[in-house]
Amino acid sequence: MKKGIHPTYYPNAVITCACGNKFTVGSTQASYEIEICSACHPFYTGKGKIIDTAGRVERFKKQMAQKKADAGKKKVRIRKPRVENLLVASPTPPTVVKSVKSKKISKKQK
């Protein structure tokens, strides 16, 4: 290693959390103060809280309960009437429009 270009390494740097937890690590700074650590983080402690914004959690839970309740019921599908059935029932004869297929133009014809 080149001398004079590397920061000073502290093998016993003290990390202090806002909750009071302290532990040592190797670092380029002698001490750190952090806001949250593994001892107080909700993910690691299992004390996570759901922050509800404008009733979204309740609305989601209500939707999930409704889906569970509807899971046992059979869905009724309403079909639209077919065109043939509508043509028979109409008093005036239908007008037939023929579709015109577009002719493909090859490179030689251009």
N, C-alpha and C. Protein backbone atom coordinates (compact mmCIF):
# COMPACT_ATOMS: atom_id res chain seq x y z
N MET A 1 0.84 -1.19 0.00
CA MET A 1 0.00 0.00 0.00
C MET A 1 0.87 1.24 0.00
N LYS A 2 0.37 2.26 -0.67
CA LYS A 2 1.11 3.52 -0.66
C LYS A 2 0.89 4.20 0.67
N LYS A 3 1.90 4.87 1.15
CA LYS A 3 1.78 5.56 2.43
C LYS A 3 1.21 6.96 2.21
N GLY A 4 0.37 7.39 3.15
CA GLY A 4 -0.14 8.75 3.14
C GLY A 4 -1.42 8.96 2.33
N ILE A 5 -1.90 7.94 1.60
CA ILE A 5 -3.12 8.15 0.82
C ILE A 5 -4.34 7.46 1.43
N HIS A 6 -4.14 6.58 2.40
CA HIS A 6 -5.24 5.84 3.00
C HIS A 6 -5.66 6.47 4.33
N PRO A 7 -6.96 6.44 4.64
CA PRO A 7 -7.42 6.97 5.93
C PRO A 7 -6.99 6.06 7.07
N THR A 8 -7.02 6.59 8.27
CA THR A 8 -6.66 5.82 9.46
C THR A 8 -7.76 4.80 9.74
N TYR A 9 -7.35 3.55 10.00
CA TYR A 9 -8.30 2.48 10.27
C TYR A 9 -8.38 2.25 11.77
N TYR A 10 -9.61 2.27 12.30
CA TYR A 10 -9.85 2.02 13.72
C TYR A 10 -10.49 0.64 13.85
N PRO A 11 -9.77 -0.36 14.35
CA PRO A 11 -10.34 -1.71 14.44
C PRO A 11 -11.41 -1.85 15.52
N ASN A 12 -11.45 -0.94 16.48
CA ASN A 12 -12.45 -1.01 17.55
C ASN A 12 -13.30 0.26 17.60
N ALA A 13 -13.87 0.62 16.48
CA ALA A 13 -14.75 1.80 16.43
C ALA A 13 -16.06 1.48 17.13
N VAL A 14 -16.55 2.41 17.93
CA VAL A 14 -17.77 2.19 18.72
C VAL A 14 -18.96 2.80 17.98
N ILE A 15 -19.99 1.97 17.76
CA ILE A 15 -21.24 2.42 17.13
C ILE A 15 -22.27 2.55 18.25
N THR A 16 -22.87 3.73 18.39
CA THR A 16 -23.86 3.98 19.43
C THR A 16 -25.20 4.28 18.76
N CYS A 17 -26.22 3.52 19.13
CA CYS A 17 -27.56 3.72 18.58
C CYS A 17 -28.36 4.66 19.48
N ALA A 18 -29.43 5.25 18.95
CA ALA A 18 -30.29 6.13 19.73
C ALA A 18 -31.02 5.36 20.84
N CYS A 19 -31.18 4.05 20.67
CA CYS A 19 -31.85 3.24 21.70
C CYS A 19 -30.90 2.90 22.85
N GLY A 20 -29.60 3.18 22.69
CA GLY A 20 -28.64 2.90 23.75
C GLY A 20 -27.75 1.70 23.48
N ASN A 21 -28.03 0.96 22.43
CA ASN A 21 -27.24 -0.21 22.08
C ASN A 21 -25.88 0.22 21.55
N LYS A 22 -24.81 -0.44 22.00
CA LYS A 22 -23.45 -0.14 21.54
C LYS A 22 -22.80 -1.42 21.05
N PHE A 23 -22.04 -1.30 19.97
CA PHE A 23 -21.24 -2.43 19.49
C PHE A 23 -20.02 -1.89 18.77
N THR A 24 -19.03 -2.76 18.58
CA THR A 24 -17.77 -2.34 17.97
C THR A 24 -17.59 -2.99 16.62
N VAL A 25 -17.02 -2.22 15.71
CA VAL A 25 -16.72 -2.69 14.36
C VAL A 25 -15.42 -2.04 13.92
N GLY A 26 -14.88 -2.47 12.81
CA GLY A 26 -13.72 -1.82 12.22
C GLY A 26 -14.21 -0.73 11.26
N SER A 27 -13.62 0.46 11.36
CA SER A 27 -14.07 1.57 10.55
C SER A 27 -12.96 2.60 10.36
N THR A 28 -13.22 3.58 9.50
CA THR A 28 -12.28 4.67 9.30
C THR A 28 -12.58 5.84 10.22
N GLN A 29 -13.64 5.76 10.99
CA GLN A 29 -13.96 6.77 12.00
C GLN A 29 -13.95 6.10 13.37
N ALA A 30 -13.57 6.84 14.40
CA ALA A 30 -13.43 6.26 15.73
C ALA A 30 -14.78 5.92 16.36
N SER A 31 -15.82 6.71 16.07
CA SER A 31 -17.13 6.42 16.64
C SER A 31 -18.23 6.95 15.72
N TYR A 32 -19.38 6.29 15.80
CA TYR A 32 -20.56 6.67 15.03
C TYR A 32 -21.74 6.79 15.97
N GLU A 33 -22.70 7.63 15.61
CA GLU A 33 -23.99 7.68 16.29
C GLU A 33 -25.05 7.45 15.22
N ILE A 34 -25.84 6.40 15.41
CA ILE A 34 -26.88 6.07 14.42
C ILE A 34 -28.25 6.17 15.06
N GLU A 35 -29.28 6.27 14.23
CA GLU A 35 -30.65 6.44 14.72
C GLU A 35 -31.34 5.12 15.00
N ILE A 36 -31.01 4.09 14.23
CA ILE A 36 -31.71 2.82 14.37
C ILE A 36 -30.74 1.68 14.11
N CYS A 37 -30.89 0.60 14.86
CA CYS A 37 -30.00 -0.57 14.70
C CYS A 37 -30.85 -1.83 14.68
N SER A 38 -30.20 -2.98 14.61
CA SER A 38 -30.93 -4.24 14.55
C SER A 38 -31.64 -4.56 15.86
N ALA A 39 -31.24 -3.95 16.95
CA ALA A 39 -31.88 -4.20 18.24
C ALA A 39 -33.21 -3.45 18.38
N CYS A 40 -33.36 -2.35 17.64
CA CYS A 40 -34.58 -1.56 17.78
C CYS A 40 -35.36 -1.43 16.47
N HIS A 41 -34.87 -1.97 15.36
CA HIS A 41 -35.57 -1.87 14.08
C HIS A 41 -36.82 -2.75 14.11
N PRO A 42 -37.97 -2.24 13.68
CA PRO A 42 -39.22 -3.01 13.74
C PRO A 42 -39.17 -4.30 12.92
N PHE A 43 -38.44 -4.34 11.83
CA PHE A 43 -38.37 -5.55 11.03
C PHE A 43 -37.70 -6.68 11.79
N TYR A 44 -36.63 -6.37 12.50
CA TYR A 44 -35.87 -7.40 13.22
C TYR A 44 -36.50 -7.74 14.57
N THR A 45 -37.19 -6.81 15.19
CA THR A 45 -37.78 -7.07 16.50
C THR A 45 -39.17 -7.67 16.39
N GLY A 46 -39.82 -7.56 15.23
CA GLY A 46 -41.17 -8.09 15.06
C GLY A 46 -42.24 -7.17 15.61
N LYS A 47 -41.91 -5.94 15.91
CA LYS A 47 -42.87 -4.99 16.47
C LYS A 47 -43.28 -3.96 15.41
N GLY A 48 -43.35 -4.40 14.16
CA GLY A 48 -43.71 -3.49 13.07
C GLY A 48 -45.15 -3.03 13.20
N LYS A 49 -45.39 -1.80 12.85
CA LYS A 49 -46.73 -1.23 12.89
C LYS A 49 -47.13 -0.80 11.49
N ILE A 50 -48.40 -0.97 11.18
CA ILE A 50 -48.91 -0.53 9.90
C ILE A 50 -49.43 0.89 10.08
N ILE A 51 -48.89 1.80 9.32
CA ILE A 51 -49.34 3.19 9.39
C ILE A 51 -50.45 3.35 8.38
N ASP A 52 -51.64 3.65 8.86
CA ASP A 52 -52.81 3.75 8.00
C ASP A 52 -52.94 5.17 7.47
N THR A 53 -53.08 5.27 6.16
CA THR A 53 -53.26 6.58 5.55
C THR A 53 -54.64 6.60 4.91
N ALA A 54 -55.52 7.37 5.47
CA ALA A 54 -56.87 7.60 4.94
C ALA A 54 -57.67 6.31 4.84
N GLY A 55 -57.53 5.38 5.77
CA GLY A 55 -58.35 4.18 5.82
C GLY A 55 -58.03 3.14 4.76
N ARG A 56 -56.85 3.17 4.20
CA ARG A 56 -56.51 2.24 3.12
C ARG A 56 -56.39 0.81 3.63
N VAL A 57 -55.86 0.65 4.83
CA VAL A 57 -55.68 -0.70 5.37
C VAL A 57 -57.04 -1.33 5.64
N GLU A 58 -57.96 -0.56 6.24
CA GLU A 58 -59.30 -1.08 6.51
C GLU A 58 -60.01 -1.43 5.20
N ARG A 59 -59.86 -0.58 4.19
CA ARG A 59 -60.49 -0.83 2.90
C ARG A 59 -59.92 -2.11 2.27
N PHE A 60 -58.60 -2.31 2.39
CA PHE A 60 -57.98 -3.52 1.86
C PHE A 60 -58.48 -4.76 2.59
N LYS A 61 -58.54 -4.69 3.92
CA LYS A 61 -59.03 -5.83 4.70
C LYS A 61 -60.48 -6.14 4.38
N LYS A 62 -61.28 -5.11 4.14
CA LYS A 62 -62.69 -5.29 3.78
C LYS A 62 -62.80 -5.98 2.42
N GLN A 63 -61.97 -5.58 1.47
CA GLN A 63 -61.98 -6.20 0.15
C GLN A 63 -61.57 -7.67 0.23
N MET A 64 -60.56 -7.96 1.03
CA MET A 64 -60.09 -9.34 1.17
C MET A 64 -61.16 -10.21 1.84
N ALA A 65 -61.87 -9.66 2.84
CA ALA A 65 -62.94 -10.40 3.49
C ALA A 65 -64.07 -10.67 2.50
N GLN A 66 -64.37 -9.71 1.65
CA GLN A 66 -65.43 -9.87 0.65
C GLN A 66 -65.04 -10.94 -0.37
N LYS A 67 -63.77 -10.98 -0.77
CA LYS A 67 -63.32 -11.99 -1.73
C LYS A 67 -63.38 -13.38 -1.12
N LYS A 68 -63.03 -13.50 0.16
CA LYS A 68 -63.12 -14.80 0.82
C LYS A 68 -64.56 -15.26 0.93
N ALA A 69 -65.48 -14.33 1.20
CA ALA A 69 -66.89 -14.66 1.30
C ALA A 69 -67.45 -15.06 -0.06
N ASP A 70 -67.00 -14.42 -1.12
CA ASP A 70 -67.49 -14.71 -2.46
C ASP A 70 -66.82 -15.92 -3.09
N ALA A 71 -65.79 -16.46 -2.47
CA ALA A 71 -65.04 -17.57 -3.05
C ALA A 71 -65.90 -18.82 -3.17
N GLY A 72 -66.81 -19.06 -2.25
CA GLY A 72 -67.65 -20.24 -2.28
C GLY A 72 -68.84 -20.11 -3.22
N LYS A 73 -69.19 -18.93 -3.60
CA LYS A 73 -70.35 -18.72 -4.47
C LYS A 73 -69.97 -18.96 -5.92
N LYS A 74 -70.96 -19.42 -6.69
CA LYS A 74 -70.74 -19.64 -8.10
C LYS A 74 -71.02 -18.34 -8.84
N LYS A 75 -70.14 -17.99 -9.75
CA LYS A 75 -70.31 -16.75 -10.49
C LYS A 75 -71.35 -16.96 -11.59
N VAL A 76 -72.23 -15.99 -11.74
CA VAL A 76 -73.23 -16.03 -12.78
C VAL A 76 -72.76 -15.12 -13.90
N ARG A 77 -72.67 -15.70 -15.07
CA ARG A 77 -72.17 -14.93 -16.21
C ARG A 77 -73.36 -14.51 -17.07
N ILE A 78 -73.46 -13.23 -17.30
CA ILE A 78 -74.53 -12.70 -18.13
C ILE A 78 -73.97 -12.52 -19.53
N ARG A 79 -74.61 -13.20 -20.48
CA ARG A 79 -74.12 -13.13 -21.84
C ARG A 79 -74.94 -12.13 -22.65
N LYS A 80 -74.28 -11.49 -23.57
CA LYS A 80 -74.97 -10.58 -24.47
C LYS A 80 -75.68 -11.41 -25.53
N PRO A 81 -76.81 -10.92 -26.04
CA PRO A 81 -77.50 -11.69 -27.09
C PRO A 81 -76.68 -11.71 -28.37
N ARG A 82 -76.77 -12.80 -29.09
CA ARG A 82 -76.00 -12.94 -30.33
C ARG A 82 -76.61 -12.08 -31.42
N VAL A 83 -75.78 -11.76 -32.40
CA VAL A 83 -76.22 -10.91 -33.51
C VAL A 83 -77.31 -11.61 -34.32
N GLU A 84 -77.21 -12.94 -34.50
CA GLU A 84 -78.21 -13.68 -35.27
C GLU A 84 -79.58 -13.56 -34.63
N ASN A 85 -79.62 -13.62 -33.31
CA ASN A 85 -80.89 -13.51 -32.60
C ASN A 85 -81.48 -12.11 -32.75
N LEU A 86 -80.65 -11.12 -32.79
CA LEU A 86 -81.12 -9.76 -32.96
C LEU A 86 -81.63 -9.52 -34.37
N LEU A 87 -81.00 -10.15 -35.37
CA LEU A 87 -81.42 -9.96 -36.76
C LEU A 87 -82.78 -10.59 -37.02
N VAL A 88 -83.06 -11.73 -36.41
CA VAL A 88 -84.34 -12.39 -36.60
C VAL A 88 -85.45 -11.56 -35.98
N ALA A 89 -85.17 -10.95 -34.84
CA ALA A 89 -86.19 -10.21 -34.13
C ALA A 89 -86.43 -8.82 -34.71
N SER A 90 -85.52 -8.31 -35.54
CA SER A 90 -85.70 -6.96 -36.06
C SER A 90 -86.71 -6.94 -37.20
N PRO A 91 -87.58 -5.92 -37.28
CA PRO A 91 -88.61 -5.86 -38.32
C PRO A 91 -88.05 -5.50 -39.70
N THR A 92 -86.95 -4.78 -39.76
CA THR A 92 -86.39 -4.40 -41.06
C THR A 92 -85.24 -5.34 -41.41
N PRO A 93 -85.08 -5.63 -42.69
CA PRO A 93 -83.99 -6.53 -43.06
C PRO A 93 -82.64 -5.86 -42.84
N PRO A 94 -81.65 -6.64 -42.43
CA PRO A 94 -80.33 -6.06 -42.18
C PRO A 94 -79.63 -5.70 -43.48
N THR A 95 -78.80 -4.70 -43.40
CA THR A 95 -78.01 -4.33 -44.57
C THR A 95 -76.67 -5.04 -44.49
N VAL A 96 -76.26 -5.58 -45.61
CA VAL A 96 -75.01 -6.33 -45.64
C VAL A 96 -73.94 -5.44 -46.25
N VAL A 97 -72.86 -5.30 -45.56
CA VAL A 97 -71.74 -4.52 -46.04
C VAL A 97 -70.61 -5.48 -46.32
N LYS A 98 -70.17 -5.50 -47.55
CA LYS A 98 -69.07 -6.39 -47.92
C LYS A 98 -67.76 -5.70 -47.58
N SER A 99 -66.87 -6.45 -47.00
CA SER A 99 -65.57 -5.87 -46.70
C SER A 99 -64.67 -6.01 -47.91
N VAL A 100 -63.95 -4.98 -48.20
CA VAL A 100 -63.05 -4.97 -49.34
C VAL A 100 -61.65 -5.26 -48.82
N LYS A 101 -61.05 -6.33 -49.36
CA LYS A 101 -59.70 -6.67 -48.94
C LYS A 101 -58.72 -5.79 -49.69
N SER A 102 -57.76 -5.27 -48.98
CA SER A 102 -56.76 -4.43 -49.62
C SER A 102 -55.76 -5.33 -50.35
N LYS A 103 -55.40 -4.89 -51.51
CA LYS A 103 -54.49 -5.66 -52.33
C LYS A 103 -53.06 -5.35 -51.92
N LYS A 104 -52.27 -6.37 -51.74
CA LYS A 104 -50.88 -6.15 -51.38
C LYS A 104 -50.09 -5.74 -52.62
N ILE A 105 -49.29 -4.71 -52.45
CA ILE A 105 -48.50 -4.22 -53.56
C ILE A 105 -47.08 -4.70 -53.36
N SER A 106 -46.61 -5.40 -54.33
CA SER A 106 -45.24 -5.92 -54.23
C SER A 106 -44.26 -4.83 -54.62
N LYS A 107 -43.01 -5.06 -54.38
CA LYS A 107 -41.97 -4.08 -54.69
C LYS A 107 -41.84 -3.86 -56.20
N LYS A 108 -42.15 -4.88 -56.99
CA LYS A 108 -42.02 -4.78 -58.43
C LYS A 108 -43.10 -3.85 -59.01
N GLN A 109 -44.30 -3.80 -58.40
CA GLN A 109 -45.40 -3.01 -58.92
C GLN A 109 -45.21 -1.53 -58.61
N LYS A 110 -44.40 -1.17 -57.64
CA LYS A 110 -44.21 0.23 -57.27
C LYS A 110 -43.48 0.97 -58.26
